[in-house]
Amino acid sequence: MALLAGRGYRLAVLLRVAGLARSTYFYERSHPEHVTRPDLEPLIDEVWHRCPNGCGHRQIHMSLLHEFGVRVSATSVLKVMRRMGLHCRIRARNPWKHYSSYRGDTGGHVRNLLKRNFTAGTPFEKLGTDVTEFKVAATKAYLAPVYDMGSKEIIAWDISRHPDLAQQQRLLAMLEAQIPHDAHPILHSDMGWQYQHRWWRQRLKALGIRQSMSHKGNCLDNAATEQVFGHLKDEFYTGRRFDSFDEFKRELDGYIVHWNTRRRQQQLNGRTPIEYREMTLTT
């Protein structure tokens, strides 16, 4: 309004058109809005761009505190993000529940040992696994991870064009290399055909892993792993296009490394999964 007044428009006319009182106009001019922590903008921008789709203010707040030593409230971080136009899409409605590996009960069903208790006191106590689907370059890609409910770490994963037994074999080979020799975790899954397969059950037994399985058609029984898929797709996948499977695999591998090494978790008191695992296992 001040700019228009400076171009020859009468202020009284402009105020009447805007429906603004003269006293309000001059009060606002003499009391400019306080800009919250402009010094944080470069740091917030750096943390935000670690993920293709950005991240939430709590994640940025933890990074500012633990990586840069900046003590600031989460509310102030949110205000700065809004001023910068950074809006996080995390926890949007989940449209990816169309893929199911269930092929009926083949007689390989086992008890649900977790019963929705996903709290673990230490790493390698309770693990979760599942398979999720992505549409990539006119084809499909499948991610099979093993998630540690104690450290929040994705300790093993395989990205494949096919959700077949070979994928599960590669997954357990990676898991075997990660598990400490004295650990005997529970590995929880849904009733997918992979997890009812005789090879899978025998391999878990050989590795000293106790198998747990959800009830039929109840995704809440495997909510811990489903939550990981939701965050991953919000932060990494939503709204993006990939030219090839190889490009998608390379970038998803990089995001999972980011998840483990740089993505901080409130439930871990601001630590990354790797930091928490190393701290826990060395004390």
Protein backbone atom coordinates (compact mmCIF):
# COMPACT_ATOMS: atom_id res chain seq x y z
CA MET A 1 0.00 0.00 0.00
CA ALA A 2 2.86 2.34 0.79
CA LEU A 3 4.30 1.54 -2.65
CA LEU A 4 1.05 2.47 -4.39
CA ALA A 5 0.76 5.65 -2.34
CA GLY A 6 4.23 6.59 -3.52
CA ARG A 7 3.09 6.28 -7.15
CA GLY A 8 0.50 9.03 -6.83
CA TYR A 9 -2.49 7.12 -5.45
CA ARG A 10 -4.13 8.88 -2.55
CA LEU A 11 -3.70 6.99 0.72
CA ALA A 12 -7.29 7.73 1.81
CA VAL A 13 -8.61 6.06 -1.36
CA LEU A 14 -6.38 3.03 -0.92
CA LEU A 15 -7.43 2.60 2.71
CA ARG A 16 -11.10 2.83 1.74
CA VAL A 17 -10.66 0.19 -1.00
CA ALA A 18 -8.77 -2.11 1.37
CA GLY A 19 -11.26 -1.59 4.19
CA LEU A 20 -8.41 -0.66 6.52
CA ALA A 21 -8.52 1.98 9.24
CA ARG A 22 -5.96 4.79 8.99
CA SER A 23 -4.78 4.14 12.56
CA THR A 24 -4.24 0.44 11.81
CA TYR A 25 -2.15 1.29 8.74
CA PHE A 26 0.19 3.61 10.61
CA TYR A 27 0.44 1.23 13.57
CA GLU A 28 1.55 -1.62 11.31
CA ARG A 29 4.11 0.62 9.60
CA SER A 30 5.63 1.62 12.94
CA HIS A 31 5.63 -1.95 14.29
CA PRO A 32 7.20 -4.19 11.63
CA GLU A 33 6.77 -7.94 12.09
CA HIS A 34 9.53 -9.61 14.07
CA VAL A 35 11.53 -12.02 11.93
CA THR A 36 12.18 -15.23 13.87
CA ARG A 37 15.80 -16.45 13.81
CA PRO A 38 16.91 -15.47 10.27
CA ASP A 39 20.33 -16.96 11.14
CA LEU A 40 18.79 -20.45 11.03
CA GLU A 41 17.71 -20.29 7.41
CA PRO A 42 20.95 -21.66 5.82
CA LEU A 43 21.11 -24.56 8.31
CA ILE A 44 17.42 -25.41 7.91
CA ASP A 45 17.82 -25.32 4.13
CA GLU A 46 20.78 -27.74 4.32
CA VAL A 47 18.94 -30.26 6.50
CA TRP A 48 15.72 -29.95 4.48
CA HIS A 49 17.44 -30.85 1.22
CA ARG A 50 18.95 -34.06 2.58
CA CYS A 51 15.72 -35.80 1.50
CA PRO A 52 14.24 -35.41 -2.00
CA ASN A 53 10.89 -34.36 -0.50
CA GLY A 54 12.25 -32.56 2.55
CA CYS A 55 11.62 -33.47 6.19
CA GLY A 56 9.58 -32.32 9.17
CA HIS A 57 10.40 -29.59 11.66
CA ARG A 58 11.11 -32.11 14.43
CA GLN A 59 13.76 -33.80 12.29
CA ILE A 60 15.34 -30.44 11.51
CA HIS A 61 15.16 -29.38 15.17
CA MET A 62 17.06 -32.51 16.26
CA SER A 63 19.69 -31.98 13.56
CA LEU A 64 20.23 -28.36 14.59
CA LEU A 65 20.76 -29.42 18.20
CA HIS A 66 22.92 -32.52 17.76
CA GLU A 67 24.91 -31.59 14.65
CA PHE A 68 25.27 -27.80 14.84
CA GLY A 69 24.89 -27.22 18.58
CA VAL A 70 22.03 -24.75 18.01
CA ARG A 71 19.59 -24.58 20.90
CA VAL A 72 16.22 -23.44 19.60
CA SER A 73 12.64 -24.53 20.17
CA ALA A 74 10.88 -26.78 17.67
CA THR A 75 8.17 -24.11 17.37
CA SER A 76 10.73 -21.53 16.24
CA VAL A 77 12.05 -23.98 13.65
CA LEU A 78 8.52 -24.45 12.34
CA LYS A 79 8.01 -20.66 12.09
CA VAL A 80 11.22 -20.25 10.10
CA MET A 81 10.25 -23.11 7.78
CA ARG A 82 6.87 -21.52 7.10
CA ARG A 83 8.56 -18.20 6.31
CA MET A 84 10.88 -20.03 3.90
CA GLY A 85 7.95 -21.79 2.24
CA LEU A 86 9.09 -25.25 3.32
CA HIS A 87 6.04 -27.43 3.80
CA CYS A 88 6.54 -31.10 4.64
CA ARG A 89 4.21 -33.69 3.11
CA ILE A 90 5.02 -36.33 5.73
CA ARG A 91 2.16 -38.44 7.06
CA ALA A 92 -0.07 -37.83 4.09
CA ARG A 93 -2.80 -40.32 3.32
CA ASN A 94 -1.13 -43.60 2.43
CA PRO A 95 -2.11 -44.71 -1.11
CA TRP A 96 0.32 -47.65 -1.34
CA LYS A 97 -1.59 -50.47 0.30
CA HIS A 98 -2.61 -52.20 -2.91
CA TYR A 99 0.26 -54.71 -2.94
CA SER A 100 -0.20 -57.89 -0.94
CA SER A 101 2.01 -60.97 -0.86
CA TYR A 102 -0.72 -63.08 0.75
CA ARG A 103 -1.48 -66.19 -1.34
CA GLY A 104 -3.54 -68.09 1.16
CA ASP A 105 -2.66 -70.20 4.18
CA THR A 106 -0.18 -72.83 3.02
CA GLY A 107 0.18 -74.41 6.45
CA GLY A 108 3.21 -72.35 7.39
CA HIS A 109 1.45 -70.01 9.80
CA VAL A 110 3.10 -69.43 13.19
CA ARG A 111 2.10 -67.62 16.37
CA ASN A 112 2.09 -63.86 16.74
CA LEU A 113 4.78 -63.42 19.40
CA LEU A 114 4.74 -59.61 19.44
CA LYS A 115 0.97 -59.03 19.74
CA ARG A 116 1.49 -55.40 18.64
CA ASN A 117 4.11 -54.76 21.30
CA PHE A 118 6.78 -53.14 19.14
CA THR A 119 8.83 -51.70 22.01
CA ALA A 120 12.33 -53.17 22.25
CA GLY A 121 14.84 -52.44 24.98
CA THR A 122 17.93 -53.14 22.89
CA PRO A 123 18.91 -53.59 19.24
CA PHE A 124 18.52 -57.06 17.68
CA GLU A 125 15.68 -57.94 20.05
CA LYS A 126 12.64 -57.41 17.81
CA LEU A 127 12.82 -57.15 14.03
CA GLY A 128 10.15 -56.59 11.40
CA THR A 129 9.97 -57.33 7.69
CA ASP A 130 7.59 -56.92 4.77
CA VAL A 131 7.59 -56.20 1.04
CA THR A 132 6.38 -52.96 -0.55
CA GLU A 133 5.89 -52.03 -4.18
CA PHE A 134 6.91 -48.96 -6.22
CA LYS A 135 5.98 -47.96 -9.75
CA VAL A 136 9.21 -47.10 -11.54
CA ALA A 137 9.82 -46.27 -15.22
CA ALA A 138 6.82 -48.21 -16.61
CA THR A 139 7.68 -51.20 -14.46
CA LYS A 140 7.62 -52.14 -10.77
CA ALA A 141 10.23 -52.37 -8.05
CA TYR A 142 9.99 -54.16 -4.71
CA LEU A 143 11.72 -53.33 -1.44
CA ALA A 144 12.17 -56.01 1.23
CA PRO A 145 13.76 -54.60 4.41
CA VAL A 146 14.46 -55.91 7.92
CA TYR A 147 13.72 -53.18 10.47
CA ASP A 148 15.13 -53.17 14.00
CA MET A 149 12.43 -51.97 16.41
CA GLY A 150 15.03 -51.16 19.08
CA SER A 151 17.48 -49.00 17.12
CA LYS A 152 14.99 -47.98 14.36
CA GLU A 153 17.64 -49.10 11.88
CA ILE A 154 17.03 -50.77 8.53
CA ILE A 155 19.67 -53.43 9.12
CA ALA A 156 19.17 -55.37 5.88
CA TRP A 157 17.33 -54.71 2.64
CA ASP A 158 16.97 -55.87 -0.94
CA ILE A 159 15.56 -53.95 -3.92
CA SER A 160 14.41 -56.14 -6.79
CA ARG A 161 12.29 -56.21 -9.92
CA HIS A 162 10.54 -59.31 -8.60
CA PRO A 163 9.19 -60.15 -5.11
CA ASP A 164 10.41 -63.73 -5.35
CA LEU A 165 12.21 -66.18 -3.09
CA ALA A 166 15.58 -65.11 -4.49
CA GLN A 167 14.97 -61.66 -3.03
CA GLN A 168 14.32 -63.16 0.40
CA GLN A 169 17.45 -65.28 0.14
CA ARG A 170 19.58 -62.19 -0.55
CA LEU A 171 17.83 -60.39 2.30
CA LEU A 172 18.59 -63.07 4.87
CA ALA A 173 22.19 -63.32 3.66
CA MET A 174 22.61 -59.61 4.42
CA LEU A 175 20.81 -60.02 7.74
CA GLU A 176 23.06 -62.92 8.75
CA ALA A 177 26.13 -60.72 8.27
CA GLN A 178 24.65 -58.06 10.56
CA ILE A 179 23.34 -60.04 13.53
CA PRO A 180 25.72 -60.45 16.50
CA HIS A 181 26.58 -64.07 17.24
CA ASP A 182 24.92 -63.95 20.66
CA ALA A 183 21.65 -62.38 19.47
CA HIS A 184 18.44 -64.40 19.10
CA PRO A 185 15.86 -61.90 17.87
CA ILE A 186 12.21 -62.27 16.97
CA LEU A 187 11.53 -61.54 13.29
CA HIS A 188 7.92 -60.50 12.70
CA SER A 189 6.10 -60.46 9.35
CA ASP A 190 2.65 -60.71 7.84
CA MET A 191 1.24 -63.92 6.30
CA GLY A 192 2.91 -63.39 2.92
CA TRP A 193 3.74 -66.52 0.99
CA GLN A 194 7.47 -65.81 1.40
CA TYR A 195 7.21 -66.06 5.18
CA GLN A 196 5.19 -69.26 5.09
CA HIS A 197 7.68 -70.90 2.72
CA ARG A 198 9.55 -73.88 4.11
CA TRP A 199 12.94 -72.44 3.12
CA TRP A 200 12.28 -69.20 5.01
CA ARG A 201 11.20 -70.98 8.17
CA GLN A 202 14.12 -73.38 8.12
CA ARG A 203 16.63 -70.60 7.43
CA LEU A 204 15.37 -68.52 10.36
CA LYS A 205 15.68 -71.53 12.62
CA ALA A 206 19.25 -72.13 11.46
CA LEU A 207 20.12 -68.49 12.24
CA GLY A 208 18.66 -68.73 15.74
CA ILE A 209 15.84 -66.32 14.89
CA ARG A 210 12.36 -66.85 16.31
CA GLN A 211 9.61 -66.33 13.77
CA SER A 212 6.47 -64.32 14.50
CA MET A 213 3.57 -63.71 12.12
CA SER A 214 0.58 -61.38 11.98
CA HIS A 215 -3.00 -62.52 11.91
CA LYS A 216 -4.60 -62.75 8.48
CA GLY A 217 -5.62 -59.42 6.93
CA ASN A 218 -4.60 -57.26 9.88
CA CYS A 219 -1.99 -54.68 8.91
CA LEU A 220 -1.94 -53.26 12.46
CA ASP A 221 -0.13 -56.42 13.58
CA ASN A 222 2.83 -55.28 11.45
CA ALA A 223 2.41 -51.54 12.04
CA ALA A 224 6.06 -50.87 12.95
CA THR A 225 7.32 -51.89 9.52
CA GLU A 226 4.35 -50.31 7.73
CA GLN A 227 5.24 -47.02 9.42
CA VAL A 228 8.74 -47.19 7.97
CA PHE A 229 7.25 -47.63 4.50
CA GLY A 230 5.06 -44.57 5.04
CA HIS A 231 7.97 -42.33 6.04
CA LEU A 232 10.16 -43.68 3.25
CA LYS A 233 7.60 -43.03 0.55
CA ASP A 234 6.74 -39.57 1.88
CA GLU A 235 10.35 -38.43 2.13
CA PHE A 236 11.87 -40.24 -0.85
CA TYR A 237 9.31 -41.36 -3.41
CA THR A 238 6.14 -39.23 -3.58
CA GLY A 239 5.88 -37.04 -6.67
CA ARG A 240 9.17 -38.18 -8.19
CA ARG A 241 9.92 -39.80 -11.54
CA PHE A 242 12.76 -42.21 -12.23
CA ASP A 243 14.11 -42.96 -15.69
CA SER A 244 15.18 -46.50 -14.92
CA PHE A 245 15.13 -49.22 -12.27
CA ASP A 246 18.88 -48.81 -11.78
CA GLU A 247 18.49 -45.10 -11.03
CA PHE A 248 15.70 -45.83 -8.55
CA LYS A 249 17.71 -48.57 -6.83
CA ARG A 250 20.81 -46.39 -6.53
CA GLU A 251 18.88 -43.49 -5.00
CA LEU A 252 16.83 -45.70 -2.67
CA ASP A 253 20.02 -47.39 -1.43
CA GLY A 254 21.36 -43.90 -0.70
CA TYR A 255 18.20 -42.91 1.15
CA ILE A 256 18.34 -46.00 3.36
CA VAL A 257 21.95 -45.15 4.24
CA HIS A 258 20.70 -41.65 5.09
CA TRP A 259 17.95 -43.18 7.26
CA ASN A 260 20.49 -45.17 9.23
CA THR A 261 23.26 -42.59 9.54
CA ARG A 262 21.74 -39.09 9.39
CA ARG A 263 17.98 -39.27 10.02
CA ARG A 264 17.44 -38.55 13.72
CA GLN A 265 14.67 -40.10 15.80
CA GLN A 266 12.79 -38.58 18.70
CA GLN A 267 12.37 -42.00 20.30
CA LEU A 268 16.17 -42.31 20.32
CA ASN A 269 16.61 -38.93 22.07
CA GLY A 270 17.71 -37.28 18.85
CA ARG A 271 20.25 -39.93 17.86
CA THR A 272 20.49 -41.65 14.51
CA PRO A 273 19.86 -45.43 14.42
CA ILE A 274 23.57 -46.15 13.97
CA GLU A 275 24.53 -43.85 16.85
CA TYR A 276 21.98 -45.50 19.11
CA ARG A 277 23.04 -49.04 18.17
CA GLU A 278 26.73 -48.33 18.72
CA MET A 279 26.05 -46.60 22.03
CA THR A 280 23.80 -49.43 23.26
CA LEU A 281 26.00 -52.33 22.26
CA THR A 282 29.18 -50.79 23.73
CA THR A 283 27.73 -50.01 27.17
